[in-house]
Amino acid sequence: KGARSWNDLPAQAVKYVRHVEELIGA
């Protein structure tokens, strides 16, 4: 909550976002 950079995010949250990108093709 309130993160304003990738560095503020937990590693698993970043992994989730990247996986979503792969799955939806955007």
PDB file of all heavy atoms in Angstrom:
ATOM      1  N   LYS A   1       0.827  -1.213   0.000  1.00  0.00           N
ATOM      2  CA  LYS A   1       0.000   0.000   0.000  1.00  0.00           C
ATOM      3  C   LYS A   1       0.861   1.262   0.000  1.00  0.00           C
ATOM      4  O   LYS A   1       1.749   1.422   0.825  1.00  0.00           O
ATOM      5  CB  LYS A   1      -0.920   0.019   1.224  1.00  0.00           C
ATOM      6  CG  LYS A   1      -1.990   1.116   1.195  1.00  0.00           C
ATOM      7  CD  LYS A   1      -2.933   0.984   2.371  1.00  0.00           C
ATOM      8  CE  LYS A   1      -4.028   2.061   2.342  1.00  0.00           C
ATOM      9  NZ  LYS A   1      -4.898   1.917   1.161  1.00  0.00           N
ATOM     10  N   GLY A   2       0.600   2.123  -0.962  1.00  0.00           N
ATOM     11  CA  GLY A   2       1.304   3.396  -1.041  1.00  0.00           C
ATOM     12  C   GLY A   2       2.673   3.331  -1.705  1.00  0.00           C
ATOM     13  O   GLY A   2       3.375   4.348  -1.760  1.00  0.00           O
ATOM     14  N   ALA A   3       3.057   2.168  -2.216  1.00  0.00           N
ATOM     15  CA  ALA A   3       4.357   2.046  -2.876  1.00  0.00           C
ATOM     16  C   ALA A   3       4.420   2.952  -4.100  1.00  0.00           C
ATOM     17  O   ALA A   3       3.471   3.044  -4.867  1.00  0.00           O
ATOM     18  CB  ALA A   3       4.616   0.600  -3.285  1.00  0.00           C
ATOM     19  N   ARG A   4       5.572   3.607  -4.287  1.00  0.00           N
ATOM     20  CA  ARG A   4       5.737   4.521  -5.421  1.00  0.00           C
ATOM     21  C   ARG A   4       6.935   4.161  -6.279  1.00  0.00           C
ATOM     22  O   ARG A   4       7.309   4.911  -7.183  1.00  0.00           O
ATOM     23  CB  ARG A   4       5.836   5.959  -4.920  1.00  0.00           C
ATOM     24  CG  ARG A   4       4.563   6.427  -4.215  1.00  0.00           C
ATOM     25  CD  ARG A   4       4.596   7.887  -3.830  1.00  0.00           C
ATOM     26  NE  ARG A   4       3.387   8.272  -3.111  1.00  0.00           N
ATOM     27  CZ  ARG A   4       3.119   9.491  -2.701  1.00  0.00           C
ATOM     28  NH1 ARG A   4       3.995  10.474  -2.937  1.00  0.00           N
ATOM     29  NH2 ARG A   4       1.985   9.749  -2.051  1.00  0.00           N
ATOM     30  N   SER A   5       7.548   3.004  -5.997  1.00  0.00           N
ATOM     31  CA  SER A   5       8.627   2.496  -6.850  1.00  0.00           C
ATOM     32  C   SER A   5       8.659   0.984  -6.739  1.00  0.00           C
ATOM     33  O   SER A   5       8.148   0.410  -5.756  1.00  0.00           O
ATOM     34  CB  SER A   5       9.979   3.088  -6.445  1.00  0.00           C
ATOM     35  OG  SER A   5      10.471   2.473  -5.261  1.00  0.00           O
ATOM     36  N   TRP A   6       9.273   0.330  -7.704  1.00  0.00           N
ATOM     37  CA  TRP A   6       9.373  -1.120  -7.681  1.00  0.00           C
ATOM     38  C   TRP A   6      10.137  -1.588  -6.444  1.00  0.00           C
ATOM     39  O   TRP A   6       9.859  -2.666  -5.904  1.00  0.00           O
ATOM     40  CB  TRP A   6      10.070  -1.620  -8.953  1.00  0.00           C
ATOM     41  CG  TRP A   6       9.241  -1.482 -10.185  1.00  0.00           C
ATOM     42  CD1 TRP A   6       9.400  -0.551 -11.171  1.00  0.00           C
ATOM     43  CD2 TRP A   6       8.109  -2.275 -10.568  1.00  0.00           C
ATOM     44  NE1 TRP A   6       8.431  -0.716 -12.131  1.00  0.00           N
ATOM     45  CE2 TRP A   6       7.640  -1.770 -11.796  1.00  0.00           C
ATOM     46  CE3 TRP A   6       7.456  -3.366  -9.986  1.00  0.00           C
ATOM     47  CZ2 TRP A   6       6.543  -2.316 -12.455  1.00  0.00           C
ATOM     48  CZ3 TRP A   6       6.360  -3.911 -10.642  1.00  0.00           C
ATOM     49  CH2 TRP A   6       5.914  -3.392 -11.861  1.00  0.00           C
ATOM     50  N   ASN A   7      11.098  -0.794  -6.002  1.00  0.00           N
ATOM     51  CA  ASN A   7      11.911  -1.169  -4.843  1.00  0.00           C
ATOM     52  C   ASN A   7      11.096  -1.231  -3.554  1.00  0.00           C
ATOM     53  O   ASN A   7      11.512  -1.842  -2.576  1.00  0.00           O
ATOM     54  CB  ASN A   7      13.077  -0.193  -4.667  1.00  0.00           C
ATOM     55  CG  ASN A   7      14.088  -0.301  -5.801  1.00  0.00           C
ATOM     56  OD1 ASN A   7      14.229  -1.362  -6.420  1.00  0.00           O
ATOM     57  ND2 ASN A   7      14.792   0.799  -6.096  1.00  0.00           N
ATOM     58  N   ASP A   8       9.929  -0.565  -3.556  1.00  0.00           N
ATOM     59  CA  ASP A   8       9.072  -0.575  -2.374  1.00  0.00           C
ATOM     60  C   ASP A   8       8.208  -1.828  -2.286  1.00  0.00           C
ATOM     61  O   ASP A   8       7.508  -2.026  -1.297  1.00  0.00           O
ATOM     62  CB  ASP A   8       8.150   0.658  -2.369  1.00  0.00           C
ATOM     63  CG  ASP A   8       8.903   1.969  -2.274  1.00  0.00           C
ATOM     64  OD1 ASP A   8      10.026   1.952  -1.753  1.00  0.00           O
ATOM     65  OD2 ASP A   8       8.376   3.006  -2.737  1.00  0.00           O
ATOM     66  N   LEU A   9       8.228  -2.651  -3.330  1.00  0.00           N
ATOM     67  CA  LEU A   9       7.343  -3.806  -3.392  1.00  0.00           C
ATOM     68  C   LEU A   9       8.048  -5.074  -2.918  1.00  0.00           C
ATOM     69  O   LEU A   9       9.222  -5.283  -3.220  1.00  0.00           O
ATOM     70  CB  LEU A   9       6.856  -4.027  -4.833  1.00  0.00           C
ATOM     71  CG  LEU A   9       6.013  -2.907  -5.468  1.00  0.00           C
ATOM     72  CD1 LEU A   9       5.737  -3.243  -6.931  1.00  0.00           C
ATOM     73  CD2 LEU A   9       4.699  -2.729  -4.718  1.00  0.00           C
ATOM     74  N   PRO A  10       7.335  -5.961  -2.221  1.00  0.00           N
ATOM     75  CA  PRO A  10       7.898  -7.268  -1.896  1.00  0.00           C
ATOM     76  C   PRO A  10       8.229  -8.045  -3.166  1.00  0.00           C
ATOM     77  O   PRO A  10       7.566  -7.880  -4.202  1.00  0.00           O
ATOM     78  CB  PRO A  10       6.772  -7.962  -1.116  1.00  0.00           C
ATOM     79  CG  PRO A  10       5.851  -6.865  -0.681  1.00  0.00           C
ATOM     80  CD  PRO A  10       5.964  -5.783  -1.703  1.00  0.00           C
ATOM     81  N   ALA A  11       9.224  -8.906  -3.095  1.00  0.00           N
ATOM     82  CA  ALA A  11       9.681  -9.656  -4.270  1.00  0.00           C
ATOM     83  C   ALA A  11       8.556 -10.477  -4.889  1.00  0.00           C
ATOM     84  O   ALA A  11       8.416 -10.558  -6.117  1.00  0.00           O
ATOM     85  CB  ALA A  11      10.853 -10.551  -3.894  1.00  0.00           C
ATOM     86  N   GLN A  12       7.710 -11.103  -4.050  1.00  0.00           N
ATOM     87  CA  GLN A  12       6.632 -11.934  -4.565  1.00  0.00           C
ATOM     88  C   GLN A  12       5.558 -11.107  -5.271  1.00  0.00           C
ATOM     89  O   GLN A  12       4.906 -11.577  -6.206  1.00  0.00           O
ATOM     90  CB  GLN A  12       6.018 -12.770  -3.441  1.00  0.00           C
ATOM     91  CG  GLN A  12       6.955 -13.838  -2.881  1.00  0.00           C
ATOM     92  CD  GLN A  12       7.472 -14.791  -3.960  1.00  0.00           C
ATOM     93  OE1 GLN A  12       6.766 -15.158  -4.889  1.00  0.00           O
ATOM     94  NE2 GLN A  12       8.736 -15.175  -3.835  1.00  0.00           N
ATOM     95  N   ALA A  13       5.387  -9.857  -4.820  1.00  0.00           N
ATOM     96  CA  ALA A  13       4.432  -8.972  -5.483  1.00  0.00           C
ATOM     97  C   ALA A  13       4.926  -8.608  -6.881  1.00  0.00           C
ATOM     98  O   ALA A  13       4.151  -8.581  -7.846  1.00  0.00           O
ATOM     99  CB  ALA A  13       4.197  -7.716  -4.644  1.00  0.00           C
ATOM    100  N   VAL A  14       6.215  -8.329  -6.996  1.00  0.00           N
ATOM    101  CA  VAL A  14       6.809  -8.038  -8.308  1.00  0.00           C
ATOM    102  C   VAL A  14       6.669  -9.254  -9.219  1.00  0.00           C
ATOM    103  O   VAL A  14       6.324  -9.141 -10.403  1.00  0.00           O
ATOM    104  CB  VAL A  14       8.290  -7.630  -8.163  1.00  0.00           C
ATOM    105  CG1 VAL A  14       8.936  -7.466  -9.542  1.00  0.00           C
ATOM    106  CG2 VAL A  14       8.423  -6.352  -7.350  1.00  0.00           C
ATOM    107  N   LYS A  15       6.920 -10.434  -8.662  1.00  0.00           N
ATOM    108  CA  LYS A  15       6.792 -11.677  -9.425  1.00  0.00           C
ATOM    109  C   LYS A  15       5.361 -11.863  -9.929  1.00  0.00           C
ATOM    110  O   LYS A  15       5.137 -12.280 -11.068  1.00  0.00           O
ATOM    111  CB  LYS A  15       7.210 -12.865  -8.559  1.00  0.00           C
ATOM    112  CG  LYS A  15       7.274 -14.193  -9.290  1.00  0.00           C
ATOM    113  CD  LYS A  15       7.768 -15.305  -8.374  1.00  0.00           C
ATOM    114  CE  LYS A  15       7.800 -16.645  -9.115  1.00  0.00           C
ATOM    115  NZ  LYS A  15       8.270 -17.736  -8.216  1.00  0.00           N
ATOM    116  N   TYR A  16       4.390 -11.535  -9.089  1.00  0.00           N
ATOM    117  CA  TYR A  16       2.977 -11.642  -9.463  1.00  0.00           C
ATOM    118  C   TYR A  16       2.673 -10.718 -10.645  1.00  0.00           C
ATOM    119  O   TYR A  16       2.040 -11.135 -11.629  1.00  0.00           O
ATOM    120  CB  TYR A  16       2.100 -11.288  -8.268  1.00  0.00           C
ATOM    121  CG  TYR A  16       0.607 -11.353  -8.545  1.00  0.00           C
ATOM    122  CD1 TYR A  16      -0.066 -12.568  -8.561  1.00  0.00           C
ATOM    123  CD2 TYR A  16      -0.130 -10.198  -8.774  1.00  0.00           C
ATOM    124  CE1 TYR A  16      -1.434 -12.627  -8.788  1.00  0.00           C
ATOM    125  CE2 TYR A  16      -1.490 -10.241  -9.005  1.00  0.00           C
ATOM    126  CZ  TYR A  16      -2.135 -11.464  -9.010  1.00  0.00           C
ATOM    127  OH  TYR A  16      -3.504 -11.511  -9.256  1.00  0.00           O
ATOM    128  N   VAL A  17       3.119  -9.480 -10.552  1.00  0.00           N
ATOM    129  CA  VAL A  17       2.868  -8.509 -11.617  1.00  0.00           C
ATOM    130  C   VAL A  17       3.491  -8.975 -12.928  1.00  0.00           C
ATOM    131  O   VAL A  17       2.860  -8.916 -13.994  1.00  0.00           O
ATOM    132  CB  VAL A  17       3.405  -7.115 -11.219  1.00  0.00           C
ATOM    133  CG1 VAL A  17       3.301  -6.145 -12.394  1.00  0.00           C
ATOM    134  CG2 VAL A  17       2.646  -6.568 -10.007  1.00  0.00           C
ATOM    135  N   ARG A  18       4.735  -9.449 -12.876  1.00  0.00           N
ATOM    136  CA  ARG A  18       5.417  -9.894 -14.091  1.00  0.00           C
ATOM    137  C   ARG A  18       4.710 -11.103 -14.707  1.00  0.00           C
ATOM    138  O   ARG A  18       4.641 -11.241 -15.937  1.00  0.00           O
ATOM    139  CB  ARG A  18       6.876 -10.250 -13.785  1.00  0.00           C
ATOM    140  CG  ARG A  18       7.732  -9.058 -13.339  1.00  0.00           C
ATOM    141  CD  ARG A  18       7.680  -7.918 -14.323  1.00  0.00           C
ATOM    142  NE  ARG A  18       8.558  -6.822 -14.007  1.00  0.00           N
ATOM    143  CZ  ARG A  18       8.412  -5.577 -14.447  1.00  0.00           C
ATOM    144  NH1 ARG A  18       7.404  -5.279 -15.253  1.00  0.00           N
ATOM    145  NH2 ARG A  18       9.258  -4.636 -14.115  1.00  0.00           N
ATOM    146  N   HIS A  19       4.203 -11.971 -13.847  1.00  0.00           N
ATOM    147  CA  HIS A  19       3.497 -13.144 -14.360  1.00  0.00           C
ATOM    148  C   HIS A  19       2.180 -12.754 -15.026  1.00  0.00           C
ATOM    149  O   HIS A  19       1.806 -13.329 -16.052  1.00  0.00           O
ATOM    150  CB  HIS A  19       3.255 -14.135 -13.223  1.00  0.00           C
ATOM    151  CG  HIS A  19       2.860 -15.503 -13.706  1.00  0.00           C
ATOM    152  ND1 HIS A  19       3.598 -16.203 -14.642  1.00  0.00           N
ATOM    153  CD2 HIS A  19       1.805 -16.303 -13.402  1.00  0.00           C
ATOM    154  CE1 HIS A  19       3.016 -17.372 -14.897  1.00  0.00           C
ATOM    155  NE2 HIS A  19       1.919 -17.444 -14.155  1.00  0.00           N
ATOM    156  N   VAL A  20       1.485 -11.798 -14.454  1.00  0.00           N
ATOM    157  CA  VAL A  20       0.265 -11.279 -15.071  1.00  0.00           C
ATOM    158  C   VAL A  20       0.568 -10.750 -16.473  1.00  0.00           C
ATOM    159  O   VAL A  20      -0.173 -11.012 -17.424  1.00  0.00           O
ATOM    160  CB  VAL A  20      -0.377 -10.187 -14.182  1.00  0.00           C
ATOM    161  CG1 VAL A  20      -1.405  -9.365 -14.969  1.00  0.00           C
ATOM    162  CG2 VAL A  20      -1.028 -10.801 -12.956  1.00  0.00           C
ATOM    163  N   GLU A  21       1.650  -9.989 -16.616  1.00  0.00           N
ATOM    164  CA  GLU A  21       2.049  -9.474 -17.923  1.00  0.00           C
ATOM    165  C   GLU A  21       2.201 -10.598 -18.940  1.00  0.00           C
ATOM    166  O   GLU A  21       1.744 -10.506 -20.077  1.00  0.00           O
ATOM    167  CB  GLU A  21       3.366  -8.697 -17.819  1.00  0.00           C
ATOM    168  CG  GLU A  21       3.272  -7.377 -17.072  1.00  0.00           C
ATOM    169  CD  GLU A  21       4.617  -6.674 -17.003  1.00  0.00           C
ATOM    170  OE1 GLU A  21       5.634  -7.350 -16.705  1.00  0.00           O
ATOM    171  OE2 GLU A  21       4.672  -5.447 -17.222  1.00  0.00           O
ATOM    172  N   GLU A  22       2.876 -11.664 -18.536  1.00  0.00           N
ATOM    173  CA  GLU A  22       3.095 -12.799 -19.426  1.00  0.00           C
ATOM    174  C   GLU A  22       1.783 -13.459 -19.839  1.00  0.00           C
ATOM    175  O   GLU A  22       1.574 -13.794 -21.005  1.00  0.00           O
ATOM    176  CB  GLU A  22       3.988 -13.849 -18.745  1.00  0.00           C
ATOM    177  CG  GLU A  22       5.430 -13.406 -18.505  1.00  0.00           C
ATOM    178  CD  GLU A  22       6.182 -14.404 -17.652  1.00  0.00           C
ATOM    179  OE1 GLU A  22       5.639 -15.498 -17.387  1.00  0.00           O
ATOM    180  OE2 GLU A  22       7.326 -14.087 -17.229  1.00  0.00           O
ATOM    181  N   LEU A  23       0.877 -13.619 -18.880  1.00  0.00           N
ATOM    182  CA  LEU A  23      -0.370 -14.330 -19.140  1.00  0.00           C
ATOM    183  C   LEU A  23      -1.308 -13.564 -20.059  1.00  0.00           C
ATOM    184  O   LEU A  23      -2.022 -14.158 -20.864  1.00  0.00           O
ATOM    185  CB  LEU A  23      -1.082 -14.635 -17.818  1.00  0.00           C
ATOM    186  CG  LEU A  23      -0.428 -15.686 -16.915  1.00  0.00           C
ATOM    187  CD1 LEU A  23      -1.134 -15.727 -15.568  1.00  0.00           C
ATOM    188  CD2 LEU A  23      -0.451 -17.069 -17.570  1.00  0.00           C
ATOM    189  N   ILE A  24      -1.324 -12.228 -19.949  1.00  0.00           N
ATOM    190  CA  ILE A  24      -2.290 -11.442 -20.726  1.00  0.00           C
ATOM    191  C   ILE A  24      -1.705 -10.899 -22.020  1.00  0.00           C
ATOM    192  O   ILE A  24      -2.435 -10.396 -22.883  1.00  0.00           O
ATOM    193  CB  ILE A  24      -2.870 -10.279 -19.899  1.00  0.00           C
ATOM    194  CG1 ILE A  24      -1.795  -9.235 -19.562  1.00  0.00           C
ATOM    195  CG2 ILE A  24      -3.555 -10.805 -18.643  1.00  0.00           C
ATOM    196  CD1 ILE A  24      -2.339  -7.983 -18.893  1.00  0.00           C
ATOM    197  N   GLY A  25      -0.390 -10.960 -22.178  1.00  0.00           N
ATOM    198  CA  GLY A  25       0.226 -10.492 -23.409  1.00  0.00           C
ATOM    199  C   GLY A  25       0.282  -8.981 -23.549  1.00  0.00           C
ATOM    200  O   GLY A  25       0.242  -8.451 -24.663  1.00  0.00           O
ATOM    201  N   ALA A  26       0.382  -8.280 -22.425  1.00  0.00           N
ATOM    202  CA  ALA A  26       0.489  -6.816 -22.450  1.00  0.00           C
ATOM    203  C   ALA A  26       1.305  -6.367 -21.244  1.00  0.00           C
ATOM    204  O   ALA A  26       1.210  -6.961 -20.170  1.00  0.00           O
ATOM    205  CB  ALA A  26      -0.889  -6.147 -22.422  1.00  0.00           C
TER     206      ALA A  26
END
